[in-house]
Amino acid sequence: MESNIFGKTNNKVSKLGLGLAQVGFQLGYDGYKEADEILNYSLDNGINFLDTAAMYHDSESIVGKSVGHRRDEYFLATKAGTGRTNSEDSEWTYDKVKNSVEKSLKNLQTDRIDLVQLHSCETHILEQGDVIRALQDCKIEGKTKFIGYSGDNEAADWAVKSNLFDTLQTSYSIADQRARTKNILKEATNRNLGIIAKRPIGNASLLGVKHSSNNEKDENYKASAYDEYFNRMVQITKELDINLNEIDPIELSMSFSLIPKEIHVLIIGSKNKSHVKANLEFMQEKKDNMEILINQYQNMFEKLDDNWRQLT
């Protein structure tokens, strides 16, 4: 497994990380057996970066129960807050963030979290400073080693330029390239932040375009993608006149997000061990034959970009 030094944290982390939203939202304790297999299989095969969140339902508790006894084998990242950019200010307070971290420690069955991130609060909440101070105090108290911001657009730019955080988690994919075109990745790299790409395959939107163009009735892929991502991919692919039956859309999507050297970790979630296995096999094969296509999708994104903001 390819690994990177995770910015100023100086921790060595696998390029492929495991996102645990689906484990929490879709598997939960009813699907604990599958979740347990996913977590342990990932650790057994070189993935050492786990990304969860307080608001991912049972996700933190499942991590604690499943791999809490293997705590020294992985870098543990969670998030405090609501995960909604339009939350009421009252939901983003010093006490609520502090309490969220305490609860996460208990659920994760650990006395230390490697990284706690603020979960997609807006710029004006960051500017107020209370939630940042809460994380800073948690760091001083030894409850987390590092603090980060998870979010997009202007708030991500503010977080990076504030020099108050150790890491940034932000959307980046073939369908969501704003972090590159608006220099968010560049600014974060200049400040030596650890950079995490969320939704690096764009919610399988390109695969959804392939199914749609073939008039297939399986809506799983399109339904799993944000409509905005899907619509962007339809426009770009049409302009490029690319036949998606001649390529693997998932391989192209993963290759696209692996290209930027600024990104240290791609987090991909799954509710199925076979998907994790396929992702690991792709990482091992290191397909390098898609650079021309990647450049085409980069250039066409910039050409068609009609204020295509990052999706939080």
C-alpha atoms as a PDB file:
ATOM      1  CA  MET A   1       0.000   0.000   0.000  1.00  0.00           C
ATOM      2  CA  GLU A   2       1.338   3.417  -0.964  1.00  0.00           C
ATOM      3  CA  SER A   3       1.754   5.705   2.040  1.00  0.00           C
ATOM      4  CA  ASN A   4       2.450   9.375   2.701  1.00  0.00           C
ATOM      5  CA  ILE A   5       3.668  11.598   5.496  1.00  0.00           C
ATOM      6  CA  PHE A   6       0.461  13.310   6.572  1.00  0.00           C
ATOM      7  CA  GLY A   7       1.583  16.926   6.464  1.00  0.00           C
ATOM      8  CA  LYS A   8       2.672  18.571   9.692  1.00  0.00           C
ATOM      9  CA  THR A   9       1.390  15.625  11.752  1.00  0.00           C
ATOM     10  CA  ASN A  10       4.441  13.658  10.551  1.00  0.00           C
ATOM     11  CA  ASN A  11       2.357  10.472  10.725  1.00  0.00           C
ATOM     12  CA  LYS A  12       2.713   7.887   7.966  1.00  0.00           C
ATOM     13  CA  VAL A  13      -0.725   7.109   6.547  1.00  0.00           C
ATOM     14  CA  SER A  14      -1.972   4.893   3.751  1.00  0.00           C
ATOM     15  CA  LYS A  15      -2.977   6.655   0.545  1.00  0.00           C
ATOM     16  CA  LEU A  16      -6.290   4.806   0.693  1.00  0.00           C
ATOM     17  CA  GLY A  17      -8.305   5.452   3.820  1.00  0.00           C
ATOM     18  CA  LEU A  18     -11.598   3.974   4.984  1.00  0.00           C
ATOM     19  CA  GLY A  19     -14.575   6.289   5.271  1.00  0.00           C
ATOM     20  CA  LEU A  20     -17.095   5.019   7.787  1.00  0.00           C
ATOM     21  CA  ALA A  21     -20.286   6.924   7.030  1.00  0.00           C
ATOM     22  CA  GLN A  22     -21.881   3.942   5.283  1.00  0.00           C
ATOM     23  CA  VAL A  23     -20.930   1.670   8.164  1.00  0.00           C
ATOM     24  CA  GLY A  24     -22.825   3.983  10.499  1.00  0.00           C
ATOM     25  CA  PHE A  25     -25.776   5.002   8.365  1.00  0.00           C
ATOM     26  CA  GLN A  26     -26.416   1.900   6.260  1.00  0.00           C
ATOM     27  CA  LEU A  27     -25.033  -1.054   8.211  1.00  0.00           C
ATOM     28  CA  GLY A  28     -25.317   0.019  11.837  1.00  0.00           C
ATOM     29  CA  TYR A  29     -25.455  -2.592  14.571  1.00  0.00           C
ATOM     30  CA  ASP A  30     -27.906  -4.674  12.522  1.00  0.00           C
ATOM     31  CA  GLY A  31     -25.097  -5.112  10.013  1.00  0.00           C
ATOM     32  CA  TYR A  32     -22.322  -5.371  12.572  1.00  0.00           C
ATOM     33  CA  LYS A  33     -20.920  -8.634  11.194  1.00  0.00           C
ATOM     34  CA  GLU A  34     -20.276  -7.052   7.788  1.00  0.00           C
ATOM     35  CA  ALA A  35     -18.935  -3.865   9.378  1.00  0.00           C
ATOM     36  CA  ASP A  36     -16.562  -5.870  11.547  1.00  0.00           C
ATOM     37  CA  GLU A  37     -15.287  -7.735   8.478  1.00  0.00           C
ATOM     38  CA  ILE A  38     -14.764  -4.476   6.579  1.00  0.00           C
ATOM     39  CA  LEU A  39     -12.783  -2.872   9.390  1.00  0.00           C
ATOM     40  CA  ASN A  40     -10.542  -5.830  10.153  1.00  0.00           C
ATOM     41  CA  TYR A  41     -10.012  -6.697   6.490  1.00  0.00           C
ATOM     42  CA  SER A  42      -8.956  -3.101   5.840  1.00  0.00           C
ATOM     43  CA  LEU A  43      -6.414  -3.108   8.659  1.00  0.00           C
ATOM     44  CA  ASP A  44      -5.139  -6.544   7.658  1.00  0.00           C
ATOM     45  CA  ASN A  45      -4.480  -5.298   4.119  1.00  0.00           C
ATOM     46  CA  GLY A  46      -2.625  -2.064   4.689  1.00  0.00           C
ATOM     47  CA  ILE A  47      -5.291   0.591   5.264  1.00  0.00           C
ATOM     48  CA  ASN A  48      -4.315   2.444   8.426  1.00  0.00           C
ATOM     49  CA  PHE A  49      -6.490   5.584   8.175  1.00  0.00           C
ATOM     50  CA  LEU A  50     -10.027   5.386   9.577  1.00  0.00           C
ATOM     51  CA  ASP A  51     -12.349   8.360   9.191  1.00  0.00           C
ATOM     52  CA  THR A  52     -15.600   8.517  11.120  1.00  0.00           C
ATOM     53  CA  ALA A  53     -17.776  11.187  12.750  1.00  0.00           C
ATOM     54  CA  ALA A  54     -19.911  11.755  15.812  1.00  0.00           C
ATOM     55  CA  MET A  55     -23.015  12.159  13.669  1.00  0.00           C
ATOM     56  CA  TYR A  56     -22.558   8.944  11.646  1.00  0.00           C
ATOM     57  CA  HIS A  57     -25.067   7.109  13.860  1.00  0.00           C
ATOM     58  CA  ASP A  58     -23.443   3.890  15.172  1.00  0.00           C
ATOM     59  CA  SER A  59     -20.162   4.340  13.303  1.00  0.00           C
ATOM     60  CA  GLU A  60     -17.928   5.359  16.225  1.00  0.00           C
ATOM     61  CA  SER A  61     -19.314   2.673  18.517  1.00  0.00           C
ATOM     62  CA  ILE A  62     -18.822   0.027  15.829  1.00  0.00           C
ATOM     63  CA  VAL A  63     -15.196   1.120  15.362  1.00  0.00           C
ATOM     64  CA  GLY A  64     -14.601   0.880  19.104  1.00  0.00           C
ATOM     65  CA  LYS A  65     -16.188  -2.538  19.416  1.00  0.00           C
ATOM     66  CA  SER A  66     -14.612  -3.978  16.280  1.00  0.00           C
ATOM     67  CA  VAL A  67     -11.036  -2.677  16.277  1.00  0.00           C
ATOM     68  CA  GLY A  68     -10.623  -0.863  19.573  1.00  0.00           C
ATOM     69  CA  HIS A  69      -8.230  -3.634  20.640  1.00  0.00           C
ATOM     70  CA  ARG A  70      -6.096  -2.846  17.564  1.00  0.00           C
ATOM     71  CA  ARG A  71      -5.812   0.852  18.410  1.00  0.00           C
ATOM     72  CA  ASP A  72      -2.059   1.112  17.753  1.00  0.00           C
ATOM     73  CA  GLU A  73      -2.506  -0.088  14.171  1.00  0.00           C
ATOM     74  CA  TYR A  74      -4.374   2.882  12.730  1.00  0.00           C
ATOM     75  CA  PHE A  75      -4.621   6.652  12.564  1.00  0.00           C
ATOM     76  CA  LEU A  76      -8.039   7.521  13.986  1.00  0.00           C
ATOM     77  CA  ALA A  77      -9.893  10.555  12.675  1.00  0.00           C
ATOM     78  CA  THR A  78     -13.357  11.651  13.738  1.00  0.00           C
ATOM     79  CA  LYS A  79     -15.437  14.805  13.465  1.00  0.00           C
ATOM     80  CA  ALA A  80     -17.308  16.951  15.968  1.00  0.00           C
ATOM     81  CA  GLY A  81     -20.458  18.814  15.054  1.00  0.00           C
ATOM     82  CA  THR A  82     -23.585  18.409  12.999  1.00  0.00           C
ATOM     83  CA  GLY A  83     -22.116  17.870   9.556  1.00  0.00           C
ATOM     84  CA  ARG A  84     -24.504  20.489   8.162  1.00  0.00           C
ATOM     85  CA  THR A  85     -23.407  23.847   6.796  1.00  0.00           C
ATOM     86  CA  ASN A  86     -26.785  25.462   7.450  1.00  0.00           C
ATOM     87  CA  SER A  87     -27.023  24.536  11.116  1.00  0.00           C
ATOM     88  CA  GLU A  88     -28.241  27.027  13.650  1.00  0.00           C
ATOM     89  CA  ASP A  89     -25.419  28.862  15.420  1.00  0.00           C
ATOM     90  CA  SER A  90     -26.685  27.410  18.701  1.00  0.00           C
ATOM     91  CA  GLU A  91     -25.674  23.959  17.463  1.00  0.00           C
ATOM     92  CA  TRP A  92     -22.069  25.133  17.183  1.00  0.00           C
ATOM     93  CA  THR A  93     -20.921  26.070  20.671  1.00  0.00           C
ATOM     94  CA  TYR A  94     -17.797  25.515  22.742  1.00  0.00           C
ATOM     95  CA  ASP A  95     -19.572  23.172  25.133  1.00  0.00           C
ATOM     96  CA  LYS A  96     -21.224  21.080  22.416  1.00  0.00           C
ATOM     97  CA  VAL A  97     -17.940  20.518  20.619  1.00  0.00           C
ATOM     98  CA  LYS A  98     -16.175  19.632  23.864  1.00  0.00           C
ATOM     99  CA  ASN A  99     -18.976  17.237  24.830  1.00  0.00           C
ATOM    100  CA  SER A 100     -18.877  15.699  21.359  1.00  0.00           C
ATOM    101  CA  VAL A 101     -15.189  14.860  21.767  1.00  0.00           C
ATOM    102  CA  GLU A 102     -15.790  13.313  25.189  1.00  0.00           C
ATOM    103  CA  LYS A 103     -18.559  11.145  23.780  1.00  0.00           C
ATOM    104  CA  SER A 104     -16.380  10.134  20.828  1.00  0.00           C
ATOM    105  CA  LEU A 105     -13.616   8.970  23.161  1.00  0.00           C
ATOM    106  CA  LYS A 106     -16.104   6.752  24.975  1.00  0.00           C
ATOM    107  CA  ASN A 107     -17.703   5.370  21.810  1.00  0.00           C
ATOM    108  CA  LEU A 108     -14.364   4.691  20.155  1.00  0.00           C
ATOM    109  CA  GLN A 109     -13.089   2.944  23.288  1.00  0.00           C
ATOM    110  CA  THR A 110      -9.876   4.919  23.350  1.00  0.00           C
ATOM    111  CA  ASP A 111      -8.129   7.467  25.532  1.00  0.00           C
ATOM    112  CA  ARG A 112      -6.786   9.355  22.548  1.00  0.00           C
ATOM    113  CA  ILE A 113      -7.990  10.411  19.118  1.00  0.00           C
ATOM    114  CA  ASP A 114      -5.390  11.224  16.506  1.00  0.00           C
ATOM    115  CA  LEU A 115      -7.473  13.849  14.717  1.00  0.00           C
ATOM    116  CA  VAL A 116     -10.703  15.650  15.567  1.00  0.00           C
ATOM    117  CA  GLN A 117     -12.165  17.767  12.777  1.00  0.00           C
ATOM    118  CA  LEU A 118     -14.903  20.377  12.791  1.00  0.00           C
ATOM    119  CA  HIS A 119     -17.655  18.910  10.647  1.00  0.00           C
ATOM    120  CA  SER A 120     -18.606  21.388   7.916  1.00  0.00           C
ATOM    121  CA  CYS A 121     -19.514  24.512   9.864  1.00  0.00           C
ATOM    122  CA  GLU A 122     -19.713  27.751   7.901  1.00  0.00           C
ATOM    123  CA  THR A 123     -17.197  30.571   7.768  1.00  0.00           C
ATOM    124  CA  HIS A 124     -19.006  32.856  10.229  1.00  0.00           C
ATOM    125  CA  ILE A 125     -18.949  30.096  12.852  1.00  0.00           C
ATOM    126  CA  LEU A 126     -15.226  29.597  12.343  1.00  0.00           C
ATOM    127  CA  GLU A 127     -14.697  33.351  12.665  1.00  0.00           C
ATOM    128  CA  GLN A 128     -16.475  33.418  16.029  1.00  0.00           C
ATOM    129  CA  GLY A 129     -13.693  31.201  17.311  1.00  0.00           C
ATOM    130  CA  ASP A 130     -15.511  29.250  20.055  1.00  0.00           C
ATOM    131  CA  VAL A 131     -15.560  25.904  18.253  1.00  0.00           C
ATOM    132  CA  ILE A 132     -11.917  26.218  17.273  1.00  0.00           C
ATOM    133  CA  ARG A 133     -10.996  27.048  20.855  1.00  0.00           C
ATOM    134  CA  ALA A 134     -12.872  23.931  21.983  1.00  0.00           C
ATOM    135  CA  LEU A 135     -10.683  21.748  19.769  1.00  0.00           C
ATOM    136  CA  GLN A 136      -7.561  23.606  20.835  1.00  0.00           C
ATOM    137  CA  ASP A 137      -8.407  22.915  24.467  1.00  0.00           C
ATOM    138  CA  CYS A 138      -9.002  19.238  23.667  1.00  0.00           C
ATOM    139  CA  LYS A 139      -5.559  19.159  22.119  1.00  0.00           C
ATOM    140  CA  ILE A 140      -3.992  20.777  25.185  1.00  0.00           C
ATOM    141  CA  GLU A 141      -5.803  18.247  27.389  1.00  0.00           C
ATOM    142  CA  GLY A 142      -4.399  15.347  25.352  1.00  0.00           C
ATOM    143  CA  LYS A 143      -7.777  14.163  24.082  1.00  0.00           C
ATOM    144  CA  THR A 144      -6.725  14.656  20.481  1.00  0.00           C
ATOM    145  CA  LYS A 145      -3.269  14.943  18.982  1.00  0.00           C
ATOM    146  CA  PHE A 146      -4.304  17.116  16.049  1.00  0.00           C
ATOM    147  CA  ILE A 147      -7.201  19.305  14.968  1.00  0.00           C
ATOM    148  CA  GLY A 148      -8.633  19.798  11.519  1.00  0.00           C
ATOM    149  CA  TYR A 149     -11.424  21.232   9.438  1.00  0.00           C
ATOM    150  CA  SER A 150     -13.688  19.155   7.202  1.00  0.00           C
ATOM    151  CA  GLY A 151     -15.577  21.243   4.691  1.00  0.00           C
ATOM    152  CA  ASP A 152     -15.574  23.088   1.408  1.00  0.00           C
ATOM    153  CA  ASN A 153     -15.598  26.332  -0.552  1.00  0.00           C
ATOM    154  CA  GLU A 154     -15.086  29.605   1.325  1.00  0.00           C
ATOM    155  CA  ALA A 155     -15.025  27.926   4.740  1.00  0.00           C
ATOM    156  CA  ALA A 156     -12.273  25.537   3.631  1.00  0.00           C
ATOM    157  CA  ASP A 157     -10.288  28.454   2.242  1.00  0.00           C
ATOM    158  CA  TRP A 158     -10.718  30.353   5.522  1.00  0.00           C
ATOM    159  CA  ALA A 159      -9.682  27.342   7.593  1.00  0.00           C
ATOM    160  CA  VAL A 160      -6.542  26.820   5.529  1.00  0.00           C
ATOM    161  CA  LYS A 161      -5.468  30.460   5.619  1.00  0.00           C
ATOM    162  CA  SER A 162      -6.195  30.814   9.343  1.00  0.00           C
ATOM    163  CA  ASN A 163      -3.127  28.677  10.174  1.00  0.00           C
ATOM    164  CA  LEU A 164      -5.111  27.278  13.124  1.00  0.00           C
ATOM    165  CA  PHE A 165      -5.531  23.714  11.872  1.00  0.00           C
ATOM    166  CA  ASP A 166      -3.259  20.745  11.271  1.00  0.00           C
ATOM    167  CA  THR A 167      -5.350  19.153   8.512  1.00  0.00           C
ATOM    168  CA  LEU A 168      -8.000  19.790   5.878  1.00  0.00           C
ATOM    169  CA  GLN A 169     -10.607  17.362   4.609  1.00  0.00           C
ATOM    170  CA  THR A 170     -12.335  18.595   1.476  1.00  0.00           C
ATOM    171  CA  SER A 171     -14.249  17.310  -1.540  1.00  0.00           C
ATOM    172  CA  TYR A 172     -12.175  16.371  -4.561  1.00  0.00           C
ATOM    173  CA  SER A 173     -13.084  14.164  -7.497  1.00  0.00           C
ATOM    174  CA  ILE A 174     -13.539  14.089 -11.244  1.00  0.00           C
ATOM    175  CA  ALA A 175     -16.965  15.677 -10.627  1.00  0.00           C
ATOM    176  CA  ASP A 176     -15.823  18.162  -7.976  1.00  0.00           C
ATOM    177  CA  GLN A 177     -12.537  19.867  -8.856  1.00  0.00           C
ATOM    178  CA  ARG A 178     -12.940  23.255  -7.161  1.00  0.00           C
ATOM    179  CA  ALA A 179     -10.296  22.479  -4.533  1.00  0.00           C
ATOM    180  CA  ARG A 180      -7.812  22.408  -7.396  1.00  0.00           C
ATOM    181  CA  THR A 181      -9.171  25.197  -9.589  1.00  0.00           C
ATOM    182  CA  LYS A 182      -9.560  27.613  -6.652  1.00  0.00           C
ATOM    183  CA  ASN A 183      -6.118  26.749  -5.227  1.00  0.00           C
ATOM    184  CA  ILE A 184      -7.407  25.324  -1.943  1.00  0.00           C
ATOM    185  CA  LEU A 185      -5.099  22.319  -2.301  1.00  0.00           C
ATOM    186  CA  LYS A 186      -2.168  24.558  -3.179  1.00  0.00           C
ATOM    187  CA  GLU A 187      -2.728  26.837  -0.184  1.00  0.00           C
ATOM    188  CA  ALA A 188      -3.056  23.868   2.177  1.00  0.00           C
ATOM    189  CA  THR A 189       0.153  22.347   0.837  1.00  0.00           C
ATOM    190  CA  ASN A 190       2.005  25.628   1.278  1.00  0.00           C
ATOM    191  CA  ARG A 191       1.065  25.475   4.969  1.00  0.00           C
ATOM    192  CA  ASN A 192       2.019  21.790   5.247  1.00  0.00           C
ATOM    193  CA  LEU A 193      -1.494  20.673   6.212  1.00  0.00           C
ATOM    194  CA  GLY A 194      -2.406  17.010   6.015  1.00  0.00           C
ATOM    195  CA  ILE A 195      -4.914  16.817   3.160  1.00  0.00           C
ATOM    196  CA  ILE A 196      -7.789  14.321   2.985  1.00  0.00           C
ATOM    197  CA  ALA A 197      -9.959  13.990  -0.121  1.00  0.00           C
ATOM    198  CA  LYS A 198     -13.556  13.026   0.599  1.00  0.00           C
ATOM    199  CA  ARG A 199     -15.850  11.530  -2.054  1.00  0.00           C
ATOM    200  CA  PRO A 200     -12.829  10.861  -4.318  1.00  0.00           C
ATOM    201  CA  ILE A 201     -14.863   8.854  -6.841  1.00  0.00           C
ATOM    202  CA  GLY A 202     -17.597  11.505  -6.970  1.00  0.00           C
ATOM    203  CA  ASN A 203     -20.276   9.193  -5.589  1.00  0.00           C
ATOM    204  CA  ALA A 204     -19.804   6.946  -8.637  1.00  0.00           C
ATOM    205  CA  SER A 205     -21.425   9.634 -10.786  1.00  0.00           C
ATOM    206  CA  LEU A 206     -19.437   8.718 -13.908  1.00  0.00           C
ATOM    207  CA  LEU A 207     -20.585   5.122 -13.566  1.00  0.00           C
ATOM    208  CA  GLY A 208     -24.120   6.463 -13.273  1.00  0.00           C
ATOM    209  CA  VAL A 209     -23.650   8.250 -16.604  1.00  0.00           C
ATOM    210  CA  LYS A 210     -22.541   4.975 -18.204  1.00  0.00           C
ATOM    211  CA  HIS A 211     -25.632   3.140 -16.907  1.00  0.00           C
ATOM    212  CA  SER A 212     -27.869   5.958 -18.060  1.00  0.00           C
ATOM    213  CA  SER A 213     -26.360   6.099 -21.543  1.00  0.00           C
ATOM    214  CA  ASN A 214     -26.879   2.347 -21.890  1.00  0.00           C
ATOM    215  CA  ASN A 215     -30.529   2.748 -20.851  1.00  0.00           C
ATOM    216  CA  GLU A 216     -29.976   0.342 -18.004  1.00  0.00           C
ATOM    217  CA  LYS A 217     -32.672   0.332 -15.363  1.00  0.00           C
ATOM    218  CA  ASP A 218     -30.365  -0.284 -12.419  1.00  0.00           C
ATOM    219  CA  GLU A 219     -30.594   3.067 -10.640  1.00  0.00           C
ATOM    220  CA  ASN A 220     -28.269   2.199  -7.774  1.00  0.00           C
ATOM    221  CA  TYR A 221     -25.321   4.142  -9.121  1.00  0.00           C
ATOM    222  CA  LYS A 222     -27.219   7.232 -10.177  1.00  0.00           C
ATOM    223  CA  ALA A 223     -29.207   7.213  -6.959  1.00  0.00           C
ATOM    224  CA  SER A 224     -26.022   7.049  -4.926  1.00  0.00           C
ATOM    225  CA  ALA A 225     -24.612  10.110  -6.643  1.00  0.00           C
ATOM    226  CA  TYR A 226     -25.519  13.674  -5.961  1.00  0.00           C
ATOM    227  CA  ASP A 227     -27.693  14.881  -8.841  1.00  0.00           C
ATOM    228  CA  GLU A 228     -25.306  17.789  -9.330  1.00  0.00           C
ATOM    229  CA  TYR A 229     -22.331  15.461  -9.775  1.00  0.00           C
ATOM    230  CA  PHE A 230     -24.285  13.336 -12.224  1.00  0.00           C
ATOM    231  CA  ASN A 231     -25.355  16.342 -14.281  1.00  0.00           C
ATOM    232  CA  ARG A 232     -21.794  17.674 -14.446  1.00  0.00           C
ATOM    233  CA  MET A 233     -20.486  14.335 -15.664  1.00  0.00           C
ATOM    234  CA  VAL A 234     -23.198  14.123 -18.325  1.00  0.00           C
ATOM    235  CA  GLN A 235     -22.196  17.544 -19.670  1.00  0.00           C
ATOM    236  CA  ILE A 236     -18.451  16.939 -19.619  1.00  0.00           C
ATOM    237  CA  THR A 237     -18.605  13.436 -21.094  1.00  0.00           C
ATOM    238  CA  LYS A 238     -20.904  14.628 -23.870  1.00  0.00           C
ATOM    239  CA  GLU A 239     -18.574  17.493 -24.768  1.00  0.00           C
ATOM    240  CA  LEU A 240     -15.584  15.163 -24.831  1.00  0.00           C
ATOM    241  CA  ASP A 241     -17.524  12.602 -26.874  1.00  0.00           C
ATOM    242  CA  ILE A 242     -16.161   9.748 -24.760  1.00  0.00           C
ATOM    243  CA  ASN A 243     -17.613   6.251 -24.952  1.00  0.00           C
ATOM    244  CA  LEU A 244     -17.787   5.065 -21.370  1.00  0.00           C
ATOM    245  CA  ASN A 245     -18.264   1.487 -22.553  1.00  0.00           C
ATOM    246  CA  GLU A 246     -14.612   1.511 -23.582  1.00  0.00           C
ATOM    247  CA  ILE A 247     -13.263   2.389 -20.111  1.00  0.00           C
ATOM    248  CA  ASP A 248     -13.960   1.568 -16.495  1.00  0.00           C
ATOM    249  CA  PRO A 249     -15.569   4.703 -14.989  1.00  0.00           C
ATOM    250  CA  ILE A 250     -14.585   3.749 -11.435  1.00  0.00           C
ATOM    251  CA  GLU A 251     -10.961   3.179 -12.420  1.00  0.00           C
ATOM    252  CA  LEU A 252     -10.904   6.549 -14.185  1.00  0.00           C
ATOM    253  CA  SER A 253     -12.510   8.250 -11.186  1.00  0.00           C
ATOM    254  CA  MET A 254      -9.998   6.741  -8.756  1.00  0.00           C
ATOM    255  CA  SER A 255      -7.057   7.485 -11.027  1.00  0.00           C
ATOM    256  CA  PHE A 256      -8.221  11.075 -11.293  1.00  0.00           C
ATOM    257  CA  SER A 257      -8.120  11.616  -7.533  1.00  0.00           C
ATOM    258  CA  LEU A 258      -4.801   9.814  -7.141  1.00  0.00           C
ATOM    259  CA  ILE A 259      -3.012  12.238  -9.458  1.00  0.00           C
ATOM    260  CA  PRO A 260      -2.688  15.343  -7.211  1.00  0.00           C
ATOM    261  CA  LYS A 261       0.456  14.991  -5.128  1.00  0.00           C
ATOM    262  CA  GLU A 262      -0.997  17.425  -2.593  1.00  0.00           C
ATOM    263  CA  ILE A 263      -3.564  14.857  -1.408  1.00  0.00           C
ATOM    264  CA  HIS A 264      -2.291  12.474   1.257  1.00  0.00           C
ATOM    265  CA  VAL A 265      -5.364  10.290   1.812  1.00  0.00           C
ATOM    266  CA  LEU A 266      -8.411   9.334  -0.250  1.00  0.00           C
ATOM    267  CA  ILE A 267     -11.256   8.165   1.950  1.00  0.00           C
ATOM    268  CA  ILE A 268     -13.701   5.798   0.302  1.00  0.00           C
ATOM    269  CA  GLY A 269     -16.591   4.280   2.205  1.00  0.00           C
ATOM    270  CA  SER A 270     -18.244   0.934   1.670  1.00  0.00           C
ATOM    271  CA  LYS A 271     -20.898  -1.294   3.153  1.00  0.00           C
ATOM    272  CA  ASN A 272     -19.448  -4.328   1.414  1.00  0.00           C
ATOM    273  CA  LYS A 273     -16.050  -5.974   1.928  1.00  0.00           C
ATOM    274  CA  SER A 274     -15.844  -6.839  -1.763  1.00  0.00           C
ATOM    275  CA  HIS A 275     -15.785  -3.134  -2.629  1.00  0.00           C
ATOM    276  CA  VAL A 276     -12.894  -2.570  -0.230  1.00  0.00           C
ATOM    277  CA  LYS A 277     -11.085  -5.516  -1.800  1.00  0.00           C
ATOM    278  CA  ALA A 278     -11.580  -4.075  -5.293  1.00  0.00           C
ATOM    279  CA  ASN A 279     -10.235  -0.699  -4.182  1.00  0.00           C
ATOM    280  CA  LEU A 280      -7.180  -2.331  -2.642  1.00  0.00           C
ATOM    281  CA  GLU A 281      -6.535  -4.339  -5.792  1.00  0.00           C
ATOM    282  CA  PHE A 282      -6.713  -1.173  -7.862  1.00  0.00           C
ATOM    283  CA  MET A 283      -4.186   0.529  -5.599  1.00  0.00           C
ATOM    284  CA  GLN A 284      -1.815  -2.413  -5.998  1.00  0.00           C
ATOM    285  CA  GLU A 285      -2.097  -2.483  -9.781  1.00  0.00           C
ATOM    286  CA  LYS A 286      -1.330   1.250 -10.073  1.00  0.00           C
ATOM    287  CA  LYS A 287      -2.937   1.846 -13.475  1.00  0.00           C
ATOM    288  CA  ASP A 288      -1.102   4.728 -15.120  1.00  0.00           C
ATOM    289  CA  ASN A 289      -2.717   4.700 -18.559  1.00  0.00           C
ATOM    290  CA  MET A 290      -5.382   7.336 -18.025  1.00  0.00           C
ATOM    291  CA  GLU A 291      -3.384  10.581 -17.991  1.00  0.00           C
ATOM    292  CA  ILE A 292      -4.805  11.785 -21.319  1.00  0.00           C
ATOM    293  CA  LEU A 293      -8.388  11.217 -20.163  1.00  0.00           C
ATOM    294  CA  ILE A 294      -7.651  12.861 -16.823  1.00  0.00           C
ATOM    295  CA  ASN A 295      -6.285  15.956 -18.561  1.00  0.00           C
ATOM    296  CA  GLN A 296      -9.342  16.077 -20.794  1.00  0.00           C
ATOM    297  CA  TYR A 297     -11.716  15.948 -17.829  1.00  0.00           C
ATOM    298  CA  GLN A 298      -9.680  18.617 -16.009  1.00  0.00           C
ATOM    299  CA  ASN A 299      -9.715  20.980 -18.980  1.00  0.00           C
ATOM    300  CA  MET A 300     -13.382  20.459 -19.761  1.00  0.00           C
ATOM    301  CA  PHE A 301     -14.373  20.961 -16.131  1.00  0.00           C
ATOM    302  CA  GLU A 302     -12.681  24.353 -16.204  1.00  0.00           C
ATOM    303  CA  LYS A 303     -14.283  25.230 -19.542  1.00  0.00           C
ATOM    304  CA  LEU A 304     -17.840  24.348 -18.492  1.00  0.00           C
ATOM    305  CA  ASP A 305     -17.567  25.439 -14.845  1.00  0.00           C
ATOM    306  CA  ASP A 306     -20.642  27.533 -14.109  1.00  0.00           C
ATOM    307  CA  ASN A 307     -19.786  28.299 -10.501  1.00  0.00           C
ATOM    308  CA  TRP A 308     -19.571  24.561  -9.793  1.00  0.00           C
ATOM    309  CA  ARG A 309     -19.073  24.763  -6.059  1.00  0.00           C
ATOM    310  CA  GLN A 310     -17.878  21.907  -3.892  1.00  0.00           C
ATOM    311  CA  LEU A 311     -20.700  19.809  -2.489  1.00  0.00           C
ATOM    312  CA  THR A 312     -20.573  19.412   1.269  1.00  0.00           C
END
